[in-house]
Amino acid sequence: MALDPAFLDELRARLPIASVIGRRTKLIRSGRNWKACCPFHGEKTPSFHVYDDHFHCFGCGAHGDVISFVMQSEGRSFPEAVEQLAGEAGLEVPRQTPREREVARESRTLGEVLALVQASWSRRLRAPEGRSGLDYLYRRGLTDETIEAFGIGWSGDGRGALTDELRGHGITSEQMSQAGVMRADEQGRPKGELFFGRVTFPIHDRRGRLVSFGGRILGDGQPKYLNGPETALFSKRRTLFGLDRALTAIKAARPREARAPDLMVVEGYMDVIALHQAGFPGAVAPLGTALTEEQMEALWRVAPDPVLCFDGDAAGGRAAAKAATVGLPMLSPDRTLRFCVLPPGEDPDSLVRLRGADAMRDVLASARPINDALFDLLRAGLPAD
């Protein structure tokens, strides 16, 4: 049973795992999480822990998400568990048509195209043609380890070298266009490489799958930052840069009962990358737009109280007001928002580069609940744009 990952994500979001397990097993609050005597083996001392998006038993090793809990606890198959949970969530399980199966196959092909593009651009960054891009990254304080970890590259001059290289792998211009690395005319026909003269940043979905690229031009060209277009793999309003890495870091802390890193939203790629390098692996960013409802939902699937970090100027205040306006109707007892404001004239990248990680920790420590932040914004007369 092949199902659209977006449907399964929505199903998990509609049914918080603690509420599903809590209807079948008595849960006890344990800090930000829950615990219980394991329903899968006999015990008197609780070793079964429920986190935001999964459960884990330290006694018998049972582990999984809300779907696998129903499968294991009720002996259901994957399709049966999905059908049952969809009914509880008021969702209809989509049936995959032949065309949808074809789209799924195309998505795999597009992923292969993007992987070849990233490999090419990573090589170009280290070649003589990419020296200006590499020097830019060094000036911004990035280490070789960070550059490699994030797969940062150099797009070249856009005069057909990438097209020629991919043609040698059997990739057509049409496939490059479908993958979002080639411009298309109004009829959808390829008309030249999209990225040229840019430092490139691979964009991954929350599962870590490469779905698109962003690029930062060097010099005075416009736009300064460019994201790939909407494709079968990539939706800008649903994607947060760095969320896959943040999710991995937060999940890694849970089984050890260690303090999970703060999930924080900042403005752009370089802010996220600089913060990860400085020891803040929970940093993520929208892709050049204000936070959307879909991105808010994605944040809450990872942590119940993400921190939204804004510049300390009027534009930052307006952005904070807009985020509060979007998020306020979506709050619940299990999910909220915190807000923090950067010192005037600073962004997260410059703050950690010039003042160090402790300065960013101080900013995070000053994060305030949404109700306090909203009161201050209203008092300052800063409506959302």
Protein backbone atom coordinates (compact mmCIF):
# COMPACT_ATOMS: atom_id res chain seq x y z
CA MET A 1 0.00 0.00 0.00
CA ALA A 2 1.87 3.07 -1.26
CA LEU A 3 0.49 6.28 0.19
CA ASP A 4 1.41 9.91 -0.36
CA PRO A 5 3.86 10.89 2.43
CA ALA A 6 1.98 14.20 2.76
CA PHE A 7 -1.21 12.29 3.67
CA LEU A 8 0.63 10.24 6.30
CA ASP A 9 2.17 13.42 7.72
CA GLU A 10 -1.29 15.00 7.95
CA LEU A 11 -2.65 11.86 9.62
CA ARG A 12 0.11 11.95 12.24
CA ALA A 13 -0.45 15.68 12.78
CA ARG A 14 -4.22 15.23 13.26
CA LEU A 15 -3.70 12.49 15.85
CA PRO A 16 -1.02 13.36 18.42
CA ILE A 17 0.57 10.09 19.43
CA ALA A 18 0.07 10.74 23.15
CA SER A 19 -3.69 11.11 22.69
CA VAL A 20 -3.94 7.86 20.71
CA ILE A 21 -1.84 5.87 23.17
CA GLY A 22 -3.55 7.56 26.12
CA ARG A 23 -6.91 6.16 25.02
CA ARG A 24 -5.47 2.66 25.33
CA THR A 25 -2.87 2.97 28.09
CA LYS A 26 -2.73 5.17 31.19
CA LEU A 27 -0.03 7.78 30.63
CA ILE A 28 1.84 9.73 33.31
CA ARG A 29 3.37 13.12 32.55
CA SER A 30 7.20 13.03 32.63
CA GLY A 31 8.57 16.51 31.98
CA ARG A 32 7.63 17.45 28.43
CA ASN A 33 6.86 13.83 27.57
CA TRP A 34 4.83 10.89 28.91
CA LYS A 35 5.56 7.47 30.35
CA ALA A 36 3.62 4.31 31.20
CA CYS A 37 3.99 0.66 31.99
CA CYS A 38 4.66 -0.92 28.62
CA PRO A 39 1.56 -2.37 26.93
CA PHE A 40 3.78 -4.87 25.09
CA HIS A 41 5.38 -6.65 28.05
CA GLY A 42 4.64 -7.05 31.74
CA GLU A 43 6.35 -4.60 34.09
CA LYS A 44 5.69 -2.70 37.32
CA THR A 45 8.05 0.24 36.76
CA PRO A 46 7.26 2.40 33.71
CA SER A 47 9.86 2.10 30.97
CA PHE A 48 7.56 2.97 28.06
CA HIS A 49 8.10 6.61 26.99
CA VAL A 50 5.97 8.66 24.61
CA TYR A 51 7.54 11.64 22.86
CA ASP A 52 6.07 14.17 20.43
CA ASP A 53 6.18 11.88 17.42
CA HIS A 54 7.17 8.40 18.58
CA PHE A 55 7.20 5.93 21.46
CA HIS A 56 10.06 3.84 22.83
CA CYS A 57 10.19 1.15 25.49
CA PHE A 58 13.52 0.87 27.25
CA GLY A 59 12.48 -2.51 28.62
CA CYS A 60 11.55 -4.52 25.52
CA GLY A 61 12.72 -2.20 22.73
CA ALA A 62 9.28 -1.57 21.20
CA HIS A 63 9.51 1.58 19.09
CA GLY A 64 7.55 3.43 16.44
CA ASP A 65 5.09 6.18 15.51
CA VAL A 66 1.34 6.39 15.97
CA ILE A 67 0.67 4.04 13.03
CA SER A 68 3.07 1.37 14.20
CA PHE A 69 1.63 1.61 17.74
CA VAL A 70 -1.80 0.62 16.43
CA MET A 71 -0.23 -2.11 14.32
CA GLN A 72 1.67 -3.57 17.29
CA SER A 73 -0.97 -3.09 19.98
CA GLU A 74 -3.94 -4.34 17.93
CA GLY A 75 -2.24 -6.75 15.54
CA ARG A 76 -3.29 -4.78 12.47
CA SER A 77 -1.56 -4.55 9.12
CA PHE A 78 -0.25 -1.18 7.91
CA PRO A 79 -3.27 -0.57 5.63
CA GLU A 80 -5.67 -1.56 8.43
CA ALA A 81 -3.97 0.73 10.93
CA VAL A 82 -4.02 3.64 8.49
CA GLU A 83 -7.71 3.06 7.72
CA GLN A 84 -8.58 2.99 11.43
CA LEU A 85 -6.59 6.11 12.30
CA ALA A 86 -7.91 7.98 9.26
CA GLY A 87 -11.44 7.28 10.51
CA GLU A 88 -10.53 8.67 13.93
CA ALA A 89 -9.00 11.75 12.31
CA GLY A 90 -11.90 12.35 9.92
CA LEU A 91 -9.70 11.78 6.87
CA GLU A 92 -10.33 9.69 3.79
CA VAL A 93 -7.49 7.42 2.74
CA PRO A 94 -6.50 8.39 -0.81
CA ARG A 95 -6.53 5.66 -3.42
CA GLN A 96 -3.57 5.76 -5.75
CA THR A 97 -4.56 5.97 -9.40
CA PRO A 98 -2.33 4.72 -12.22
CA ARG A 99 -1.37 8.34 -12.88
CA GLU A 100 -0.39 8.83 -9.23
CA ARG A 101 1.76 5.71 -9.38
CA GLU A 102 3.44 7.20 -12.43
CA VAL A 103 4.02 10.47 -10.55
CA ALA A 104 5.63 8.51 -7.70
CA ARG A 105 8.01 6.90 -10.17
CA GLU A 106 8.77 10.33 -11.68
CA SER A 107 9.53 11.67 -8.19
CA ARG A 108 12.17 9.02 -7.71
CA THR A 109 13.68 10.01 -11.06
CA LEU A 110 13.66 13.70 -10.09
CA GLY A 111 15.46 12.84 -6.87
CA GLU A 112 18.17 11.14 -8.92
CA VAL A 113 18.49 14.26 -11.10
CA LEU A 114 18.88 16.49 -8.04
CA ALA A 115 21.52 14.18 -6.54
CA LEU A 116 23.57 14.43 -9.75
CA VAL A 117 23.20 18.23 -9.71
CA GLN A 118 24.38 18.48 -6.11
CA ALA A 119 27.40 16.28 -6.80
CA SER A 120 28.32 18.47 -9.78
CA TRP A 121 27.94 21.74 -7.90
CA SER A 122 29.89 20.46 -4.88
CA ARG A 123 32.80 19.58 -7.19
CA ARG A 124 32.62 22.97 -8.90
CA LEU A 125 32.91 24.78 -5.55
CA ARG A 126 36.33 23.16 -5.03
CA ALA A 127 37.45 23.76 -8.62
CA PRO A 128 39.14 27.01 -9.75
CA GLU A 129 35.81 28.29 -11.16
CA GLY A 130 34.25 28.11 -7.68
CA ARG A 131 37.00 29.97 -5.84
CA SER A 132 34.94 33.15 -5.42
CA GLY A 133 32.11 31.13 -3.88
CA LEU A 134 34.43 29.27 -1.53
CA ASP A 135 36.11 32.51 -0.46
CA TYR A 136 32.67 34.00 0.26
CA LEU A 137 31.82 31.06 2.54
CA TYR A 138 35.15 31.35 4.34
CA ARG A 139 34.56 35.08 4.87
CA ARG A 140 31.21 34.20 6.43
CA GLY A 141 33.07 32.03 8.91
CA LEU A 142 32.07 28.59 7.65
CA THR A 143 34.48 25.70 8.07
CA ASP A 144 35.22 23.06 5.45
CA GLU A 145 33.41 20.54 7.65
CA THR A 146 30.24 22.65 7.68
CA ILE A 147 30.42 23.32 3.95
CA GLU A 148 30.66 19.59 3.29
CA ALA A 149 27.96 18.69 5.82
CA PHE A 150 25.42 21.01 4.19
CA GLY A 151 26.45 20.09 0.64
CA ILE A 152 27.03 23.72 -0.33
CA GLY A 153 28.17 24.14 -3.93
CA TRP A 154 28.79 26.50 -6.84
CA SER A 155 26.44 26.60 -9.82
CA GLY A 156 28.94 27.70 -12.44
CA ASP A 157 28.16 30.29 -15.10
CA GLY A 158 24.93 28.66 -16.32
CA ARG A 159 26.05 28.46 -19.93
CA GLY A 160 25.21 24.82 -20.44
CA ALA A 161 28.01 22.98 -18.63
CA LEU A 162 25.58 21.37 -16.17
CA THR A 163 23.22 20.40 -18.99
CA ASP A 164 26.09 18.80 -20.89
CA GLU A 165 27.31 16.94 -17.81
CA LEU A 166 23.87 15.55 -16.97
CA ARG A 167 23.26 14.58 -20.58
CA GLY A 168 26.17 12.19 -20.14
CA HIS A 169 24.11 10.50 -17.41
CA GLY A 170 21.08 10.20 -19.68
CA ILE A 171 19.28 13.20 -18.13
CA THR A 172 17.26 15.37 -20.54
CA SER A 173 16.56 19.10 -20.39
CA GLU A 174 12.91 18.26 -19.74
CA GLN A 175 13.87 16.25 -16.65
CA MET A 176 16.08 19.11 -15.44
CA SER A 177 13.13 21.47 -15.84
CA GLN A 178 10.82 19.10 -13.95
CA ALA A 179 13.43 18.89 -11.17
CA GLY A 180 13.52 22.68 -10.89
CA VAL A 181 17.08 23.41 -12.06
CA MET A 182 16.19 24.69 -15.52
CA ARG A 183 13.91 27.57 -16.50
CA ALA A 184 10.84 26.85 -18.61
CA ASP A 185 8.76 29.02 -20.92
CA GLU A 186 4.99 29.47 -20.68
CA GLN A 187 4.47 26.19 -22.51
CA GLY A 188 6.75 24.37 -20.07
CA ARG A 189 9.62 23.99 -22.54
CA PRO A 190 13.18 24.23 -21.12
CA LYS A 191 14.92 27.55 -21.80
CA GLY A 192 18.23 27.61 -19.93
CA GLU A 193 19.74 26.75 -16.58
CA LEU A 194 18.07 28.47 -13.62
CA PHE A 195 21.08 28.87 -11.32
CA PHE A 196 24.25 30.62 -12.46
CA GLY A 197 26.92 32.57 -10.61
CA ARG A 198 25.48 31.42 -7.29
CA VAL A 199 26.56 29.65 -4.14
CA THR A 200 24.04 26.81 -3.89
CA PHE A 201 22.30 25.34 -0.85
CA PRO A 202 20.58 21.93 -1.09
CA ILE A 203 17.05 21.97 0.36
CA HIS A 204 15.77 18.77 2.00
CA ASP A 205 12.35 17.79 3.27
CA ARG A 206 11.82 16.69 6.86
CA ARG A 207 12.84 13.13 5.95
CA GLY A 208 16.15 14.33 4.57
CA ARG A 209 15.27 13.83 0.91
CA LEU A 210 16.82 16.34 -1.49
CA VAL A 211 13.93 18.28 -3.05
CA SER A 212 15.34 21.54 -4.43
CA PHE A 213 18.08 24.15 -4.19
CA GLY A 214 18.49 27.73 -3.13
CA GLY A 215 21.18 30.01 -4.49
CA ARG A 216 22.93 33.18 -3.31
CA ILE A 217 24.34 35.36 -6.07
CA LEU A 218 27.71 37.01 -5.59
CA GLY A 219 27.93 40.65 -6.59
CA ASP A 220 25.10 43.03 -7.37
CA GLY A 221 22.75 40.76 -9.33
CA GLN A 222 19.11 40.29 -8.41
CA PRO A 223 17.46 38.51 -6.82
CA LYS A 224 20.14 38.04 -4.18
CA TYR A 225 18.55 34.75 -3.09
CA LEU A 226 16.76 32.41 -5.47
CA ASN A 227 14.83 29.24 -4.67
CA GLY A 228 13.88 26.52 -7.09
CA PRO A 229 10.29 26.55 -8.41
CA GLU A 230 7.43 24.38 -7.20
CA THR A 231 7.86 20.82 -8.46
CA ALA A 232 6.43 17.36 -7.81
CA LEU A 233 8.98 17.12 -4.98
CA PHE A 234 9.14 20.67 -3.64
CA SER A 235 6.53 22.95 -2.07
CA LYS A 236 8.01 26.16 -0.67
CA ARG A 237 5.12 26.80 1.72
CA ARG A 238 5.50 23.33 3.28
CA THR A 239 9.29 23.20 3.53
CA LEU A 240 11.63 24.57 6.19
CA PHE A 241 15.35 24.74 5.52
CA GLY A 242 17.25 22.63 8.06
CA LEU A 243 14.20 20.87 9.52
CA ASP A 244 15.60 17.44 8.71
CA ARG A 245 18.75 18.19 10.72
CA ALA A 246 16.81 19.77 13.58
CA LEU A 247 14.51 16.75 13.77
CA THR A 248 17.49 14.38 13.91
CA ALA A 249 19.15 16.39 16.70
CA ILE A 250 15.97 16.63 18.77
CA LYS A 251 15.17 12.94 18.35
CA ALA A 252 18.72 12.00 19.37
CA ALA A 253 18.30 13.77 22.72
CA ARG A 254 15.03 12.08 23.70
CA PRO A 255 16.09 8.49 24.43
CA ARG A 256 18.93 9.79 26.61
CA GLU A 257 16.50 12.04 28.51
CA ALA A 258 18.92 14.84 27.63
CA ARG A 259 17.72 18.40 27.11
CA ALA A 260 16.65 18.65 23.49
CA PRO A 261 17.98 21.61 21.52
CA ASP A 262 15.58 24.50 21.06
CA LEU A 263 13.69 24.39 17.77
CA MET A 264 14.11 27.96 16.52
CA VAL A 265 13.01 29.73 13.37
CA VAL A 266 15.37 32.29 11.85
CA GLU A 267 15.39 34.13 8.55
CA GLY A 268 17.67 32.46 6.01
CA TYR A 269 20.06 29.72 4.93
CA MET A 270 23.20 31.35 6.31
CA ASP A 271 21.56 31.99 9.68
CA VAL A 272 20.64 28.30 9.94
CA ILE A 273 24.06 27.07 8.84
CA ALA A 274 25.97 29.45 11.12
CA LEU A 275 23.82 28.46 14.09
CA HIS A 276 24.28 24.74 13.45
CA GLN A 277 28.03 25.29 13.27
CA ALA A 278 27.92 27.24 16.55
CA GLY A 279 26.10 24.44 18.38
CA PHE A 280 22.43 25.27 17.78
CA PRO A 281 21.22 22.27 15.73
CA GLY A 282 17.55 23.18 16.15
CA ALA A 283 17.71 26.18 13.80
CA VAL A 284 15.43 26.20 10.73
CA ALA A 285 14.22 28.85 8.28
CA PRO A 286 11.35 29.44 5.84
CA LEU A 287 12.37 29.94 2.24
CA GLY A 288 12.17 33.67 1.73
CA THR A 289 8.55 34.05 2.85
CA ALA A 290 6.62 34.60 6.06
CA LEU A 291 5.78 31.47 8.04
CA THR A 292 2.79 29.61 6.64
CA GLU A 293 0.21 27.48 8.44
CA GLU A 294 1.76 24.38 6.89
CA GLN A 295 5.19 25.32 8.23
CA MET A 296 3.72 25.99 11.68
CA GLU A 297 2.22 22.50 11.66
CA ALA A 298 5.58 21.07 10.62
CA LEU A 299 7.26 22.84 13.55
CA TRP A 300 4.75 21.51 16.08
CA ARG A 301 5.25 17.98 14.83
CA VAL A 302 8.83 18.32 16.06
CA ALA A 303 8.45 20.38 19.26
CA PRO A 304 5.50 21.80 21.21
CA ASP A 305 7.03 25.25 21.78
CA PRO A 306 9.29 26.43 18.93
CA VAL A 307 11.05 29.78 19.26
CA LEU A 308 10.54 32.39 16.54
CA CYS A 309 13.58 34.65 16.33
CA PHE A 310 13.19 38.12 14.79
CA ASP A 311 15.39 41.10 14.02
CA GLY A 312 15.10 43.97 16.47
CA ASP A 313 13.97 46.54 13.88
CA ALA A 314 10.54 47.60 12.62
CA ALA A 315 10.59 44.98 9.86
CA GLY A 316 11.30 42.31 12.46
CA GLY A 317 8.39 43.58 14.53
CA ARG A 318 6.03 43.35 11.56
CA ALA A 319 7.26 39.85 10.79
CA ALA A 320 6.67 38.84 14.42
CA ALA A 321 3.16 40.28 14.33
CA LYS A 322 2.37 38.38 11.14
CA ALA A 323 3.69 35.12 12.61
CA ALA A 324 1.60 35.66 15.73
CA THR A 325 -1.48 36.33 13.61
CA VAL A 326 -0.96 33.08 11.67
CA GLY A 327 -0.12 30.99 14.71
CA LEU A 328 -2.61 32.28 17.27
CA PRO A 329 -5.71 30.41 15.94
CA MET A 330 -3.67 27.20 15.77
CA LEU A 331 -2.58 27.12 19.42
CA SER A 332 -3.75 24.41 21.81
CA PRO A 333 -2.83 23.21 25.32
CA ASP A 334 -0.21 20.96 23.69
CA ARG A 335 1.42 23.51 21.40
CA THR A 336 2.43 27.13 21.69
CA LEU A 337 5.03 29.60 20.39
CA ARG A 338 7.81 31.60 21.97
CA PHE A 339 9.29 34.80 20.57
CA CYS A 340 12.74 36.33 20.94
CA VAL A 341 14.26 39.49 19.49
CA LEU A 342 17.84 39.94 18.31
CA PRO A 343 19.95 42.97 19.25
CA PRO A 344 19.51 45.90 16.83
CA GLY A 345 21.56 45.54 13.68
CA GLU A 346 22.31 41.85 14.24
CA ASP A 347 21.11 38.65 12.62
CA PRO A 348 21.88 35.18 14.02
CA ASP A 349 24.78 34.71 11.62
CA SER A 350 26.51 37.96 12.58
CA LEU A 351 25.68 37.52 16.27
CA VAL A 352 27.44 34.17 16.68
CA ARG A 353 30.27 35.20 14.36
CA LEU A 354 31.06 38.47 16.14
CA ARG A 355 29.88 37.88 19.71
CA GLY A 356 29.99 34.11 20.04
CA ALA A 357 27.52 31.37 20.94
CA ASP A 358 26.89 32.74 24.44
CA ALA A 359 25.28 35.85 22.94
CA MET A 360 22.82 33.64 21.06
CA ARG A 361 22.12 31.63 24.21
CA ASP A 362 21.25 34.88 25.98
CA VAL A 363 18.81 35.75 23.19
CA LEU A 364 17.15 32.33 23.45
CA ALA A 365 16.97 32.62 27.23
CA SER A 366 14.99 35.83 26.76
CA ALA A 367 12.31 34.11 24.64
CA ARG A 368 8.81 35.04 25.79
CA PRO A 369 5.44 33.28 25.49
CA ILE A 370 3.26 34.34 22.58
CA ASN A 371 0.76 36.15 24.81
CA ASP A 372 3.46 38.44 26.24
CA ALA A 373 5.02 39.01 22.84
CA LEU A 374 1.65 39.77 21.26
CA PHE A 375 0.82 42.28 23.99
CA ASP A 376 4.10 44.10 23.35
CA LEU A 377 3.50 44.12 19.60
CA LEU A 378 0.00 45.53 19.98
CA ARG A 379 1.22 48.15 22.41
CA ALA A 380 3.89 49.16 19.91
CA GLY A 381 1.23 49.45 17.19
CA LEU A 382 2.90 46.93 14.90
CA PRO A 383 0.20 45.18 12.88
CA ALA A 384 1.11 42.33 10.56
CA ASP A 385 1.82 43.25 6.93
